[in-house]
Amino acid sequence: MTTPMHCDFSPHDFAAVAIRTSDGRLVQVTGAGLCPTAGWELRLVAGGPGFRSQPERLLLELRESPPRPAPRVLTETTVDVTVEDTRAEEVEIRFGWREGFVIPVREAALRRGPRGAMRRRTDAAPDRIAASAV
């Protein structure tokens, strides 16, 4: 039996999240594929020609490096990249051997900082004082 030449990928196994920082905006793309053996190396790199043909679309190419001969066992293999980008609303992931796919970029949810926690503790203090005075 021959080993398939590539890992298997689905758009459902990828996510793109925009993270706003004081210096700008980062788009973090993560994903996984089911590879025919252990030891595959995956990389997402900036797309080739036409890299920015659509300003709202970040183009990445997934590149695989198969391992030297290895025992056949299906292995989930992850890949990720963080790209500085101010405009991307979606990410197109291309492959050299099959049709690619597009995934949306979603904005990271803002987290409440320590101030909110401090405010809750301060708000709770009068209740404790009132309860202990009774």
C-alpha atoms as a PDB file:
ATOM      1  CA  MET A   1       0.000   0.000   0.000  1.00  0.00           C
ATOM      2  CA  THR A   2       1.335   3.445  -0.829  1.00  0.00           C
ATOM      3  CA  THR A   3       1.238   6.411   1.530  1.00  0.00           C
ATOM      4  CA  PRO A   4      -0.724   9.490   0.318  1.00  0.00           C
ATOM      5  CA  MET A   5       1.540  12.310  -0.776  1.00  0.00           C
ATOM      6  CA  HIS A   6      -0.191  15.016   1.292  1.00  0.00           C
ATOM      7  CA  CYS A   7      -2.004  15.746   4.531  1.00  0.00           C
ATOM      8  CA  ASP A   8      -5.792  16.196   4.503  1.00  0.00           C
ATOM      9  CA  PHE A   9      -7.143  19.665   5.391  1.00  0.00           C
ATOM     10  CA  SER A  10     -10.602  21.149   5.852  1.00  0.00           C
ATOM     11  CA  PRO A  11     -11.608  24.808   6.302  1.00  0.00           C
ATOM     12  CA  HIS A  12     -13.370  23.703   9.514  1.00  0.00           C
ATOM     13  CA  ASP A  13      -9.958  22.862  10.995  1.00  0.00           C
ATOM     14  CA  PHE A  14      -8.659  26.447  10.590  1.00  0.00           C
ATOM     15  CA  ALA A  15      -9.339  29.716  12.392  1.00  0.00           C
ATOM     16  CA  ALA A  16      -8.145  33.298  11.927  1.00  0.00           C
ATOM     17  CA  VAL A  17      -8.339  35.818  14.780  1.00  0.00           C
ATOM     18  CA  ALA A  18      -7.447  39.520  14.624  1.00  0.00           C
ATOM     19  CA  ILE A  19      -5.740  40.860  17.733  1.00  0.00           C
ATOM     20  CA  ARG A  20      -5.455  44.607  18.203  1.00  0.00           C
ATOM     21  CA  THR A  21      -2.325  45.825  19.946  1.00  0.00           C
ATOM     22  CA  SER A  22      -0.946  49.252  20.730  1.00  0.00           C
ATOM     23  CA  ASP A  23       1.278  48.844  17.662  1.00  0.00           C
ATOM     24  CA  GLY A  24      -1.455  47.772  15.215  1.00  0.00           C
ATOM     25  CA  ARG A  25      -3.336  44.611  14.336  1.00  0.00           C
ATOM     26  CA  LEU A  26      -2.124  41.020  14.144  1.00  0.00           C
ATOM     27  CA  VAL A  27      -3.941  38.172  12.421  1.00  0.00           C
ATOM     28  CA  GLN A  28      -3.227  34.779  13.958  1.00  0.00           C
ATOM     29  CA  VAL A  29      -4.067  31.808  11.746  1.00  0.00           C
ATOM     30  CA  THR A  30      -4.111  28.320  13.256  1.00  0.00           C
ATOM     31  CA  GLY A  31      -5.089  25.008  11.771  1.00  0.00           C
ATOM     32  CA  ALA A  32      -4.529  21.296  11.659  1.00  0.00           C
ATOM     33  CA  GLY A  33      -4.463  18.524   9.109  1.00  0.00           C
ATOM     34  CA  LEU A  34      -4.576  14.763   9.225  1.00  0.00           C
ATOM     35  CA  CYS A  35      -1.224  13.531   7.951  1.00  0.00           C
ATOM     36  CA  PRO A  36      -0.527   9.989   6.730  1.00  0.00           C
ATOM     37  CA  THR A  37       2.411   9.487   9.112  1.00  0.00           C
ATOM     38  CA  ALA A  38       4.041  11.210  12.056  1.00  0.00           C
ATOM     39  CA  GLY A  39       6.818  13.718  11.439  1.00  0.00           C
ATOM     40  CA  TRP A  40       5.282  16.001   8.821  1.00  0.00           C
ATOM     41  CA  GLU A  41       6.270  19.667   9.085  1.00  0.00           C
ATOM     42  CA  LEU A  42       3.668  22.266   8.080  1.00  0.00           C
ATOM     43  CA  ARG A  43       4.206  25.969   7.413  1.00  0.00           C
ATOM     44  CA  LEU A  44       1.933  28.833   6.380  1.00  0.00           C
ATOM     45  CA  VAL A  45       3.807  31.398   4.284  1.00  0.00           C
ATOM     46  CA  ALA A  46       2.828  34.585   2.478  1.00  0.00           C
ATOM     47  CA  GLY A  47       1.224  33.753  -0.859  1.00  0.00           C
ATOM     48  CA  GLY A  48       3.071  34.154  -4.118  1.00  0.00           C
ATOM     49  CA  PRO A  49       2.043  36.264  -7.127  1.00  0.00           C
ATOM     50  CA  GLY A  50      -1.120  38.248  -6.535  1.00  0.00           C
ATOM     51  CA  PHE A  51      -0.420  38.203  -2.810  1.00  0.00           C
ATOM     52  CA  ARG A  52      -2.621  41.252  -2.294  1.00  0.00           C
ATOM     53  CA  SER A  53      -4.978  41.222  -5.272  1.00  0.00           C
ATOM     54  CA  GLN A  54      -7.899  41.806  -2.862  1.00  0.00           C
ATOM     55  CA  PRO A  55      -6.999  44.220  -0.014  1.00  0.00           C
ATOM     56  CA  GLU A  56      -9.402  42.603   2.463  1.00  0.00           C
ATOM     57  CA  ARG A  57      -7.989  39.096   1.844  1.00  0.00           C
ATOM     58  CA  LEU A  58      -4.736  37.822   3.307  1.00  0.00           C
ATOM     59  CA  LEU A  59      -3.266  35.106   1.076  1.00  0.00           C
ATOM     60  CA  LEU A  60      -1.261  32.292   2.654  1.00  0.00           C
ATOM     61  CA  GLU A  61       0.156  29.128   1.152  1.00  0.00           C
ATOM     62  CA  LEU A  62       0.407  25.932   3.168  1.00  0.00           C
ATOM     63  CA  ARG A  63       3.638  24.056   2.600  1.00  0.00           C
ATOM     64  CA  GLU A  64       4.303  20.495   3.708  1.00  0.00           C
ATOM     65  CA  SER A  65       7.566  18.701   4.328  1.00  0.00           C
ATOM     66  CA  PRO A  66       7.077  14.947   4.517  1.00  0.00           C
ATOM     67  CA  PRO A  67       9.216  12.965   6.932  1.00  0.00           C
ATOM     68  CA  ARG A  68      11.797  10.428   5.973  1.00  0.00           C
ATOM     69  CA  PRO A  69      10.280   6.932   5.863  1.00  0.00           C
ATOM     70  CA  ALA A  70       8.060   6.500   8.897  1.00  0.00           C
ATOM     71  CA  PRO A  71       5.508   3.944  10.059  1.00  0.00           C
ATOM     72  CA  ARG A  72       2.031   4.579   8.665  1.00  0.00           C
ATOM     73  CA  VAL A  73      -0.187   6.069  11.367  1.00  0.00           C
ATOM     74  CA  LEU A  74      -2.636   8.936  10.812  1.00  0.00           C
ATOM     75  CA  THR A  75      -1.401  11.900  12.843  1.00  0.00           C
ATOM     76  CA  GLU A  76      -3.038  15.260  13.502  1.00  0.00           C
ATOM     77  CA  THR A  77      -0.437  17.922  12.755  1.00  0.00           C
ATOM     78  CA  THR A  78      -0.877  21.606  13.606  1.00  0.00           C
ATOM     79  CA  VAL A  79       0.254  24.758  11.884  1.00  0.00           C
ATOM     80  CA  ASP A  80       0.070  28.439  12.837  1.00  0.00           C
ATOM     81  CA  VAL A  81       1.322  31.832  11.780  1.00  0.00           C
ATOM     82  CA  THR A  82       0.872  35.401  13.008  1.00  0.00           C
ATOM     83  CA  VAL A  83       0.876  38.154  10.383  1.00  0.00           C
ATOM     84  CA  GLU A  84       0.775  41.914  10.884  1.00  0.00           C
ATOM     85  CA  ASP A  85      -2.200  43.138   8.840  1.00  0.00           C
ATOM     86  CA  THR A  86      -4.539  46.111   9.202  1.00  0.00           C
ATOM     87  CA  ARG A  87      -7.230  45.250   6.631  1.00  0.00           C
ATOM     88  CA  ALA A  88      -7.789  41.503   6.301  1.00  0.00           C
ATOM     89  CA  GLU A  89     -11.382  40.356   6.752  1.00  0.00           C
ATOM     90  CA  GLU A  90     -10.674  36.867   5.443  1.00  0.00           C
ATOM     91  CA  VAL A  91      -7.741  34.532   4.841  1.00  0.00           C
ATOM     92  CA  GLU A  92      -7.297  32.432   1.733  1.00  0.00           C
ATOM     93  CA  ILE A  93      -5.215  29.313   2.240  1.00  0.00           C
ATOM     94  CA  ARG A  94      -3.786  27.842  -0.949  1.00  0.00           C
ATOM     95  CA  PHE A  95      -2.190  24.488  -1.611  1.00  0.00           C
ATOM     96  CA  GLY A  96       0.170  23.525  -4.405  1.00  0.00           C
ATOM     97  CA  TRP A  97      -1.693  20.257  -5.086  1.00  0.00           C
ATOM     98  CA  ARG A  98      -5.406  20.969  -4.534  1.00  0.00           C
ATOM     99  CA  GLU A  99      -7.972  23.737  -4.402  1.00  0.00           C
ATOM    100  CA  GLY A 100      -7.674  26.077  -1.429  1.00  0.00           C
ATOM    101  CA  PHE A 101     -10.308  27.646   0.780  1.00  0.00           C
ATOM    102  CA  VAL A 102     -11.200  30.946   2.457  1.00  0.00           C
ATOM    103  CA  ILE A 103     -11.869  31.439   6.172  1.00  0.00           C
ATOM    104  CA  PRO A 104     -13.193  34.589   7.882  1.00  0.00           C
ATOM    105  CA  VAL A 105     -11.101  36.674  10.274  1.00  0.00           C
ATOM    106  CA  ARG A 106     -12.951  37.279  13.514  1.00  0.00           C
ATOM    107  CA  GLU A 107     -12.008  39.991  15.953  1.00  0.00           C
ATOM    108  CA  ALA A 108     -10.700  38.812  19.328  1.00  0.00           C
ATOM    109  CA  ALA A 109     -13.073  39.532  22.194  1.00  0.00           C
ATOM    110  CA  LEU A 110     -11.892  42.247  24.544  1.00  0.00           C
ATOM    111  CA  ARG A 111     -11.110  41.030  28.036  1.00  0.00           C
ATOM    112  CA  ARG A 112     -11.826  42.882  31.215  1.00  0.00           C
ATOM    113  CA  GLY A 113      -8.620  43.926  32.886  1.00  0.00           C
ATOM    114  CA  PRO A 114      -7.733  43.921  36.572  1.00  0.00           C
ATOM    115  CA  ARG A 115      -9.639  47.183  37.079  1.00  0.00           C
ATOM    116  CA  GLY A 116     -12.970  45.371  36.712  1.00  0.00           C
ATOM    117  CA  ALA A 117     -11.903  42.796  39.287  1.00  0.00           C
ATOM    118  CA  MET A 118     -10.784  45.506  41.701  1.00  0.00           C
ATOM    119  CA  ARG A 119     -14.064  47.353  41.248  1.00  0.00           C
ATOM    120  CA  ARG A 120     -16.019  44.179  42.066  1.00  0.00           C
ATOM    121  CA  ARG A 121     -14.011  43.648  45.256  1.00  0.00           C
ATOM    122  CA  THR A 122     -14.546  47.268  46.300  1.00  0.00           C
ATOM    123  CA  ASP A 123     -18.275  46.984  45.573  1.00  0.00           C
ATOM    124  CA  ALA A 124     -18.472  43.817  47.675  1.00  0.00           C
ATOM    125  CA  ALA A 125     -16.774  45.346  50.713  1.00  0.00           C
ATOM    126  CA  PRO A 126     -19.807  47.435  51.932  1.00  0.00           C
ATOM    127  CA  ASP A 127     -21.968  44.285  51.888  1.00  0.00           C
ATOM    128  CA  ARG A 128     -19.498  42.472  54.112  1.00  0.00           C
ATOM    129  CA  ILE A 129     -19.254  45.441  56.481  1.00  0.00           C
ATOM    130  CA  ALA A 130     -23.062  45.764  56.669  1.00  0.00           C
ATOM    131  CA  ALA A 131     -23.436  42.024  57.315  1.00  0.00           C
ATOM    132  CA  SER A 132     -20.804  42.014  60.080  1.00  0.00           C
ATOM    133  CA  ALA A 133     -22.407  45.039  61.804  1.00  0.00           C
ATOM    134  CA  VAL A 134     -25.708  43.160  62.229  1.00  0.00           C
END
